[in-house]
N, C-alpha and C. Protein backbone atom coordinates (compact mmCIF):
# COMPACT_ATOMS: atom_id res chain seq x y z
N MET A 1 21.60 33.38 225.59
CA MET A 1 20.73 33.53 224.76
C MET A 1 20.49 33.21 224.08
N ARG A 2 21.70 32.41 223.09
CA ARG A 2 21.65 31.11 221.93
C ARG A 2 20.71 30.05 222.67
N GLY A 3 21.38 29.81 223.92
CA GLY A 3 21.03 28.45 224.81
C GLY A 3 19.41 28.39 225.00
N ASN A 4 19.34 29.41 225.28
CA ASN A 4 17.66 29.87 225.28
C ASN A 4 16.82 29.45 224.43
N GLY A 5 17.35 29.87 223.12
CA GLY A 5 15.98 30.00 222.21
C GLY A 5 16.29 28.87 221.71
N GLY A 6 17.54 27.98 221.83
CA GLY A 6 17.49 26.35 221.61
C GLY A 6 16.70 25.29 222.60
N THR A 7 16.84 26.33 223.52
CA THR A 7 15.78 24.82 224.13
C THR A 7 14.52 25.44 223.79
N TYR A 8 13.99 26.79 223.44
CA TYR A 8 12.53 27.09 223.11
C TYR A 8 12.21 26.11 221.89
N ARG A 9 13.31 26.06 221.12
CA ARG A 9 13.21 25.37 219.92
C ARG A 9 12.42 24.22 219.87
N ARG A 10 13.63 23.52 220.61
CA ARG A 10 13.16 22.05 221.26
C ARG A 10 11.46 21.87 221.61
N THR A 11 11.80 22.90 222.42
CA THR A 11 10.15 22.63 223.62
C THR A 11 8.81 22.57 222.37
N GLY A 12 9.21 23.53 221.41
CA GLY A 12 8.33 23.52 220.53
C GLY A 12 7.88 23.06 219.78
N ARG A 13 9.61 22.55 219.47
CA ARG A 13 9.55 21.31 218.22
C ARG A 13 8.60 19.65 218.92
N ARG A 14 8.72 19.56 219.90
CA ARG A 14 8.33 18.46 220.68
C ARG A 14 6.86 18.91 221.21
N TRP A 15 6.85 20.04 221.61
CA TRP A 15 4.42 20.09 221.44
C TRP A 15 4.15 19.93 219.99
N MET A 16 5.21 20.12 218.89
CA MET A 16 4.24 20.02 217.84
C MET A 16 4.15 18.79 217.61
N TRP A 17 5.20 18.08 217.20
CA TRP A 17 5.34 16.58 217.47
C TRP A 17 3.47 15.85 218.32
N ILE A 18 4.30 16.34 219.51
CA ILE A 18 2.91 15.89 220.27
C ILE A 18 0.95 15.67 219.91
N ILE A 19 1.12 17.51 219.94
CA ILE A 19 -0.78 17.50 218.83
C ILE A 19 -0.37 16.84 217.54
N ALA A 20 0.88 16.87 216.58
CA ALA A 20 0.96 16.00 215.41
C ALA A 20 0.41 14.95 216.11
N GLY A 21 0.61 13.54 216.90
CA GLY A 21 0.30 12.66 217.36
C GLY A 21 -0.87 12.48 217.20
N VAL A 22 -1.30 13.74 218.32
CA VAL A 22 -2.80 13.37 219.03
C VAL A 22 -3.80 14.06 218.06
N ALA A 23 -3.55 14.38 216.59
CA ALA A 23 -4.04 14.89 215.85
C ALA A 23 -4.12 12.93 215.04
N ALA A 24 -3.07 12.53 214.79
CA ALA A 24 -3.24 11.23 214.12
C ALA A 24 -4.10 10.07 215.22
N ALA A 25 -3.95 10.36 216.49
CA ALA A 25 -4.11 9.20 216.97
C ALA A 25 -5.71 9.38 216.95
N GLY A 26 -6.67 11.05 216.42
CA GLY A 26 -7.92 11.03 216.56
C GLY A 26 -8.17 10.66 215.43
N ALA A 27 -7.09 10.66 213.93
CA ALA A 27 -8.08 10.32 213.08
C ALA A 27 -8.24 8.97 213.50
N VAL A 28 -7.06 8.04 213.57
CA VAL A 28 -7.37 6.69 213.67
C VAL A 28 -8.54 6.56 214.78
N ILE A 29 -8.73 7.28 215.39
CA ILE A 29 -9.86 7.10 216.29
C ILE A 29 -11.58 6.85 215.43
N ALA A 30 -11.78 8.54 214.82
CA ALA A 30 -12.52 8.67 213.79
C ALA A 30 -12.75 7.29 212.39
N VAL A 31 -11.89 6.93 211.70
CA VAL A 31 -11.71 6.05 211.04
C VAL A 31 -12.71 4.74 211.56
N PHE A 32 -11.79 4.36 213.06
CA PHE A 32 -12.72 3.29 213.68
C PHE A 32 -13.81 3.25 213.73
N GLY A 33 -14.08 4.76 214.61
CA GLY A 33 -15.56 4.86 214.60
C GLY A 33 -17.14 4.97 213.61
N ILE A 34 -16.64 5.20 212.70
CA ILE A 34 -16.90 4.59 211.22
C ILE A 34 -17.95 3.69 211.70
N TRP A 35 -17.02 2.84 210.97
CA TRP A 35 -17.50 1.26 211.64
C TRP A 35 -18.75 0.93 212.71
N HIS A 36 -18.08 1.02 214.09
CA HIS A 36 -18.71 0.69 215.17
C HIS A 36 -19.72 1.67 215.65
N LEU A 37 -19.28 2.97 215.35
CA LEU A 37 -20.21 3.71 216.42
C LEU A 37 -21.73 3.78 215.47
N PRO A 38 -21.69 4.00 214.40
CA PRO A 38 -23.05 4.38 214.14
C PRO A 38 -24.63 3.15 214.40
N ALA A 39 -23.45 2.07 213.87
CA ALA A 39 -24.33 0.41 214.00
C ALA A 39 -24.75 0.76 216.00
N ARG A 40 -23.46 1.58 216.58
CA ARG A 40 -24.97 1.25 218.16
C ARG A 40 -25.72 2.60 218.20
N MET A 41 -25.35 3.72 217.34
CA MET A 41 -25.91 4.75 218.08
C MET A 41 -27.40 4.14 217.09
N TYR A 42 -27.12 3.91 215.86
CA TYR A 42 -28.81 3.72 215.25
C TYR A 42 -28.92 2.01 215.01
N PRO A 43 -29.29 1.60 215.45
CA PRO A 43 -29.61 -0.06 215.16
C PRO A 43 -30.38 0.17 214.15
N PRO A 44 -30.01 -0.68 213.21
CA PRO A 44 -30.28 -1.40 212.12
C PRO A 44 -32.63 -1.47 212.58
N GLY A 45 -33.42 -1.17 211.26
CA GLY A 45 -34.93 -1.00 212.06
C GLY A 45 -35.09 0.30 212.56
N THR A 46 -34.89 1.01 212.54
CA THR A 46 -35.03 2.37 213.20
C THR A 46 -35.60 3.50 212.18
N ASP A 47 -36.24 3.91 212.53
CA ASP A 47 -36.62 5.24 211.37
C ASP A 47 -35.37 6.20 211.29
N GLY A 48 -35.40 6.37 209.68
CA GLY A 48 -33.96 7.20 209.52
C GLY A 48 -32.84 6.74 209.69
N GLY A 49 -32.97 5.42 210.66
CA GLY A 49 -31.69 5.16 211.20
C GLY A 49 -30.27 5.00 209.84
N ALA A 50 -30.52 4.86 208.46
CA ALA A 50 -29.52 4.60 207.67
C ALA A 50 -29.46 6.19 206.84
N GLU A 51 -30.56 7.14 206.80
CA GLU A 51 -29.81 8.42 207.01
C GLU A 51 -29.41 8.72 207.77
N ALA A 52 -29.11 8.57 209.12
CA ALA A 52 -28.48 8.92 210.26
C ALA A 52 -27.17 8.69 210.03
N ARG A 53 -27.37 7.17 209.77
CA ARG A 53 -25.81 6.39 209.48
C ARG A 53 -24.90 6.65 209.31
N ALA A 54 -25.96 7.39 207.60
CA ALA A 54 -25.06 7.56 206.40
C ALA A 54 -24.06 9.68 206.94
N ALA A 55 -24.66 10.00 207.79
CA ALA A 55 -25.03 11.29 207.98
C ALA A 55 -23.39 11.22 209.10
N LEU A 56 -23.68 10.87 209.84
CA LEU A 56 -22.34 10.15 211.50
C LEU A 56 -21.53 9.41 210.51
N GLN A 57 -21.31 8.09 209.40
CA GLN A 57 -19.85 8.13 208.88
C GLN A 57 -19.75 9.45 208.47
N GLY A 58 -19.97 9.60 207.65
CA GLY A 58 -19.23 11.36 206.52
C GLY A 58 -19.19 12.21 207.11
N GLY A 59 -19.91 12.72 208.86
CA GLY A 59 -19.02 13.61 209.56
C GLY A 59 -17.34 12.47 210.11
N LEU A 60 -17.59 11.86 210.72
CA LEU A 60 -16.76 10.72 211.72
C LEU A 60 -15.27 11.33 210.24
N LEU A 61 -15.59 10.40 208.33
CA LEU A 61 -14.67 10.90 208.04
C LEU A 61 -14.34 11.55 207.51
N THR A 62 -14.90 13.19 207.34
CA THR A 62 -14.57 14.27 207.18
C THR A 62 -13.49 14.90 208.71
N ALA A 63 -13.98 14.19 209.95
CA ALA A 63 -12.84 14.28 210.68
C ALA A 63 -11.93 14.03 210.69
N ALA A 64 -11.87 12.36 210.14
CA ALA A 64 -10.83 11.86 209.69
C ALA A 64 -9.53 12.47 209.46
N ALA A 65 -9.92 12.36 207.73
CA ALA A 65 -9.41 13.73 207.35
C ALA A 65 -9.19 14.61 207.10
N ALA A 66 -9.77 15.51 208.51
CA ALA A 66 -9.32 16.82 208.65
C ALA A 66 -8.14 16.81 209.99
N LEU A 67 -8.06 15.70 210.38
CA LEU A 67 -7.20 15.39 211.68
C LEU A 67 -5.90 14.46 211.16
N THR A 68 -6.29 14.34 209.95
CA THR A 68 -4.98 13.24 209.30
C THR A 68 -3.95 15.22 208.42
N ALA A 69 -4.89 15.71 207.98
CA ALA A 69 -4.47 17.03 207.31
C ALA A 69 -3.24 17.40 208.39
N VAL A 70 -4.12 17.65 209.88
CA VAL A 70 -3.73 18.99 210.50
C VAL A 70 -2.29 17.94 210.85
N ALA A 71 -1.90 16.61 211.14
CA ALA A 71 -0.47 15.94 211.56
C ALA A 71 0.48 16.51 210.63
N GLY A 72 -0.36 15.94 209.16
CA GLY A 72 0.87 16.09 207.85
C GLY A 72 1.39 18.01 207.54
N ALA A 73 -0.47 18.68 208.35
CA ALA A 73 0.98 19.79 208.11
C ALA A 73 2.03 19.91 209.26
N LEU A 74 1.33 19.61 209.93
CA LEU A 74 2.38 19.52 211.21
C LEU A 74 3.26 19.30 211.39
N ILE A 75 4.01 18.23 210.99
CA ILE A 75 4.87 17.40 210.16
C ILE A 75 6.04 18.15 208.90
N ALA A 76 5.00 18.48 208.35
CA ALA A 76 5.90 19.20 206.79
C ALA A 76 6.22 20.93 207.60
N LEU A 77 5.79 21.25 208.64
CA LEU A 77 5.95 22.34 208.76
C LEU A 77 7.71 21.92 209.68
N ASP A 78 7.64 21.57 210.56
CA ASP A 78 8.62 21.02 211.09
C ASP A 78 9.96 20.62 210.80
N GLU A 79 9.75 19.83 209.14
CA GLU A 79 11.09 19.24 208.61
C GLU A 79 10.93 21.00 207.67
N THR A 80 10.01 21.48 207.18
CA THR A 80 10.40 22.98 206.32
C THR A 80 11.53 23.86 207.58
N ARG A 81 11.33 23.82 208.46
CA ARG A 81 11.24 24.69 209.93
C ARG A 81 13.31 24.09 209.87
N GLN A 82 13.07 22.96 209.73
CA GLN A 82 14.93 22.06 209.77
C GLN A 82 15.66 22.38 208.56
N ALA A 83 14.95 22.39 207.47
CA ALA A 83 15.65 22.90 206.51
C ALA A 83 15.96 23.98 206.25
N ASN A 84 15.60 25.46 206.60
CA ASN A 84 15.45 26.40 206.60
C ASN A 84 16.56 26.92 207.64
N ALA A 85 16.67 26.26 208.72
CA ALA A 85 17.64 25.89 209.82
C ALA A 85 18.95 25.91 209.68
N GLU A 86 19.18 24.95 208.64
CA GLU A 86 20.37 23.98 208.19
C GLU A 86 20.50 24.96 206.85
N ILE A 87 19.83 25.62 206.57
CA ILE A 87 20.13 26.42 205.05
C ILE A 87 20.81 27.78 206.05
N CYS A 88 20.16 28.79 207.23
CA CYS A 88 20.72 29.07 208.04
C CYS A 88 22.59 28.98 207.97
N ARG A 89 22.16 28.54 208.44
CA ARG A 89 24.40 27.75 209.09
C ARG A 89 24.84 27.79 207.81
N SER A 90 24.36 27.08 206.80
CA SER A 90 25.36 27.43 205.92
C SER A 90 25.20 28.49 204.87
N ASN A 91 24.57 29.34 205.29
CA ASN A 91 25.16 30.93 204.39
C ASN A 91 25.53 31.16 205.60
N GLU A 92 26.19 31.21 206.88
CA GLU A 92 26.83 31.84 207.49
C GLU A 92 27.75 31.37 207.51
N ASN A 93 28.11 30.33 207.33
CA ASN A 93 29.16 29.59 206.79
C ASN A 93 30.57 29.72 205.62
N THR A 94 29.03 30.56 204.57
CA THR A 94 29.70 30.84 203.05
C THR A 94 29.88 32.48 203.60
N HIS A 95 29.05 33.21 204.34
CA HIS A 95 29.63 34.49 204.60
C HIS A 95 31.04 34.69 205.23
N VAL A 96 31.57 33.76 205.96
CA VAL A 96 32.58 34.16 207.16
C VAL A 96 33.79 33.57 205.33
N ARG A 97 33.68 32.69 204.66
CA ARG A 97 34.72 31.93 204.19
C ARG A 97 34.67 33.52 203.31
N GLU A 98 33.74 33.98 202.31
CA GLU A 98 33.98 35.26 201.39
C GLU A 98 34.70 36.38 202.21
N LEU A 99 34.33 36.41 203.59
CA LEU A 99 34.88 37.63 204.31
C LEU A 99 36.58 37.32 204.35
N TYR A 100 37.05 35.55 205.15
CA TYR A 100 38.19 36.06 204.62
C TYR A 100 38.78 36.14 203.29
N SER A 101 38.57 35.56 202.83
CA SER A 101 39.24 35.59 201.32
C SER A 101 39.84 37.05 200.82
N THR A 102 38.39 37.50 201.15
CA THR A 102 38.45 39.34 200.87
C THR A 102 39.64 39.45 201.53
N ALA A 103 39.65 39.21 203.01
CA ALA A 103 40.67 40.05 204.00
C ALA A 103 41.51 39.96 203.72
N ILE A 104 41.28 38.32 203.16
CA ILE A 104 43.75 37.76 202.73
C ILE A 104 44.26 38.60 201.63
N SER A 105 42.75 39.00 200.17
CA SER A 105 43.42 39.73 199.31
C SER A 105 44.05 40.63 199.63
N HIS A 106 43.30 41.70 200.68
CA HIS A 106 43.47 43.18 200.97
C HIS A 106 44.98 42.97 202.02
N LEU A 107 44.36 42.00 202.53
CA LEU A 107 46.46 42.23 203.40
C LEU A 107 47.51 42.06 202.23
N GLY A 108 47.14 41.27 201.37
CA GLY A 108 48.66 41.40 200.29
C GLY A 108 48.35 42.89 199.39
N ASP A 109 47.28 43.61 199.31
CA ASP A 109 46.83 44.84 198.74
C ASP A 109 48.71 46.07 199.08
N GLY A 110 48.88 47.22 198.11
CA GLY A 110 50.19 47.49 198.33
C GLY A 110 49.69 49.12 199.20
N SER A 111 48.15 49.41 199.45
CA SER A 111 47.83 49.96 200.24
C SER A 111 47.91 50.20 201.03
N VAL A 112 48.31 51.00 201.94
CA VAL A 112 48.57 50.91 203.84
C VAL A 112 46.81 50.72 203.80
N ASP A 113 46.16 51.37 203.18
CA ASP A 113 44.70 52.18 203.56
C ASP A 113 43.91 50.60 203.92
N VAL A 114 43.79 50.02 202.61
CA VAL A 114 43.48 48.12 202.23
C VAL A 114 43.84 47.85 202.80
N ARG A 115 44.91 47.13 203.06
CA ARG A 115 45.54 46.07 204.42
C ARG A 115 44.74 46.64 205.84
N LEU A 116 45.27 47.70 205.99
CA LEU A 116 44.61 47.85 207.62
C LEU A 116 42.83 47.51 207.15
N GLY A 117 42.60 47.53 206.56
CA GLY A 117 41.06 47.27 206.02
C GLY A 117 40.59 46.08 206.11
N GLY A 118 42.00 45.22 205.88
CA GLY A 118 41.72 43.71 205.80
C GLY A 118 42.43 42.59 207.02
N ILE A 119 43.02 43.40 207.97
CA ILE A 119 43.55 43.39 209.25
C ILE A 119 41.82 43.25 210.19
N TYR A 120 40.91 44.30 209.75
CA TYR A 120 39.62 45.03 210.94
C TYR A 120 39.26 43.69 209.95
N ALA A 121 38.84 43.22 208.74
CA ALA A 121 38.05 42.42 208.14
C ALA A 121 38.41 40.86 209.10
N LEU A 122 39.91 40.67 209.13
CA LEU A 122 40.76 39.20 210.03
C LEU A 122 40.00 39.35 211.35
N GLU A 123 39.53 40.11 211.90
CA GLU A 123 39.76 40.40 213.51
C GLU A 123 37.48 40.19 213.24
N ARG A 124 36.91 41.12 212.49
CA ARG A 124 35.91 40.33 212.14
C ARG A 124 35.05 38.76 211.91
N VAL A 125 36.12 38.29 210.68
CA VAL A 125 36.20 37.10 211.34
C VAL A 125 36.46 36.12 212.42
N ALA A 126 37.45 37.05 213.49
CA ALA A 126 37.93 36.09 215.08
C ALA A 126 36.48 36.03 215.56
N ARG A 127 35.71 37.55 215.54
CA ARG A 127 34.65 37.35 215.94
C ARG A 127 33.62 36.61 215.94
N ASP A 128 33.63 36.28 214.50
CA ASP A 128 32.25 35.69 213.82
C ASP A 128 32.50 34.32 214.44
N SER A 129 33.43 34.02 214.00
CA SER A 129 33.93 32.08 213.74
C SER A 129 34.92 31.67 214.43
N ALA A 130 34.65 30.84 216.07
CA ALA A 130 35.61 30.63 216.88
C ALA A 130 36.52 29.27 216.39
N ALA A 131 35.55 29.23 215.14
CA ALA A 131 36.15 28.24 214.15
C ALA A 131 37.51 28.49 213.76
N ASP A 132 37.71 29.68 213.34
CA ASP A 132 38.62 30.42 212.59
C ASP A 132 40.00 31.51 213.27
N GLN A 133 38.83 31.42 214.63
CA GLN A 133 40.29 32.53 215.60
C GLN A 133 41.70 32.27 215.31
N ARG A 134 41.61 30.99 215.42
CA ARG A 134 43.51 30.32 215.74
C ARG A 134 43.97 30.41 214.46
N THR A 135 43.63 30.44 212.48
CA THR A 135 43.60 30.52 211.87
C THR A 135 44.09 32.03 211.06
N VAL A 136 42.88 32.77 212.35
CA VAL A 136 43.34 34.52 211.79
C VAL A 136 44.47 34.74 213.09
N VAL A 137 44.64 34.52 213.99
CA VAL A 137 45.87 34.69 214.32
C VAL A 137 47.32 34.04 214.08
N GLU A 138 46.59 33.17 213.33
CA GLU A 138 48.23 32.80 212.51
C GLU A 138 48.38 33.38 211.11
N VAL A 139 47.57 34.44 210.42
CA VAL A 139 47.33 34.87 209.27
C VAL A 139 48.18 36.38 209.72
N LEU A 140 47.65 36.69 210.65
CA LEU A 140 48.35 38.44 211.45
C LEU A 140 49.60 38.27 212.56
N SER A 141 50.05 37.16 212.60
CA SER A 141 50.81 36.95 213.17
C SER A 141 52.39 36.54 211.67
N ALA A 142 51.89 35.76 210.66
CA ALA A 142 53.25 35.82 209.32
C ALA A 142 52.58 37.33 209.06
N PHE A 143 51.87 37.69 209.30
CA PHE A 143 51.68 39.19 208.38
C PHE A 143 52.72 40.28 208.99
N ALA A 144 52.53 40.29 210.05
CA ALA A 144 53.53 40.74 211.10
C ALA A 144 55.00 40.57 210.65
N ARG A 145 55.34 39.32 210.52
CA ARG A 145 56.63 38.94 210.38
C ARG A 145 57.31 39.36 209.99
N VAL A 146 56.46 39.70 208.31
CA VAL A 146 56.60 39.47 206.79
C VAL A 146 57.06 41.20 207.05
N HIS A 147 56.10 42.14 207.33
CA HIS A 147 55.99 43.27 207.03
C HIS A 147 56.31 44.15 208.51
N SER A 148 57.32 43.11 209.12
CA SER A 148 57.67 43.87 210.53
C SER A 148 59.38 44.99 209.88
N ILE A 149 59.72 46.23 210.43
CA ILE A 149 60.28 47.04 209.83
C ILE A 149 61.53 46.01 211.01
N GLU A 150 61.83 45.50 212.10
CA GLU A 150 62.70 44.46 212.42
C GLU A 150 63.60 43.52 211.93
N PRO A 151 64.72 43.35 211.26
CA PRO A 151 64.89 42.59 210.65
C PRO A 151 65.13 41.23 211.11
N ALA A 152 65.10 41.86 212.15
CA ALA A 152 65.58 39.96 213.57
C ALA A 152 64.09 39.36 213.58
N LEU A 153 62.82 40.10 213.00
CA LEU A 153 61.17 39.20 213.08
C LEU A 153 61.23 38.16 211.66
N ARG A 154 61.48 39.14 210.60
CA ARG A 154 61.60 38.72 209.08
C ARG A 154 61.98 37.38 209.24
N PRO A 155 61.06 36.13 208.18
CA PRO A 155 61.58 35.28 208.01
C PRO A 155 62.55 35.21 207.41
N ALA A 156 63.51 34.22 207.78
CA ALA A 156 64.78 33.66 206.82
C ALA A 156 64.25 33.75 205.59
N ALA A 157 65.26 34.43 204.43
CA ALA A 157 64.82 34.13 202.82
C ALA A 157 65.52 32.24 202.16
N PRO A 158 64.57 31.54 202.11
CA PRO A 158 64.55 30.50 201.18
C PRO A 158 65.91 30.31 200.37
N THR A 159 66.77 29.77 200.88
CA THR A 159 68.06 30.08 199.89
C THR A 159 68.10 28.24 198.91
N ARG A 160 69.04 28.81 197.59
CA ARG A 160 69.06 28.06 196.68
C ARG A 160 69.96 27.20 196.74
N PRO A 161 69.23 25.89 196.61
CA PRO A 161 71.29 25.11 196.25
C PRO A 161 71.88 25.12 194.95
N PRO A 162 73.47 25.19 195.37
CA PRO A 162 73.62 25.11 194.20
C PRO A 162 73.88 24.32 192.80
C-alpha cells in the first residue's frame, strides 16, 4: 500500500512539474507575442491601431504575469510538500526514539507491571521500526538473561583483579 502511494505521489509531482513547465512556456510565448503580435494584427496607420495595440500588449502582459504566477505557485507547492514529507519522516524517527527510551527505563523499574509495559513498548518499537528490530531483540534477550531464575542463563559476574 505504501508503494502505491509513493507511485501516486511521483506521478502527481511529475504532472505538477509538466503543468508548471507549460505555464512557464506560455508566459514566454505571451512575452514574445507582446512585441510581434500587435504590429502584425494592427499595422501602423489603421484607425484605432495604437489603442488596439496597447490593449493587446496589456492583455498579453497580464497573461504572461498570470502564467508566471501559476508556474511559481506550483513550484512552491512542490517544495512545500517535500519539506512537509521530510518533517513527517523526522517526527516518526523522534517518536520511535522516545518510545524506545521510555521502554528501556520501564525495564529497569522495580514493579513487574511497569517492566511488562516496557516489554510491550519494545514490541511496539520493533513493529514500527524495522531498523530497530535487532536492537530490541538484543535488549530483550539481555533482559531475559539477567532476570532469569535459571542460574545457568545469568551472565557471569565480573571478577575484580586482586
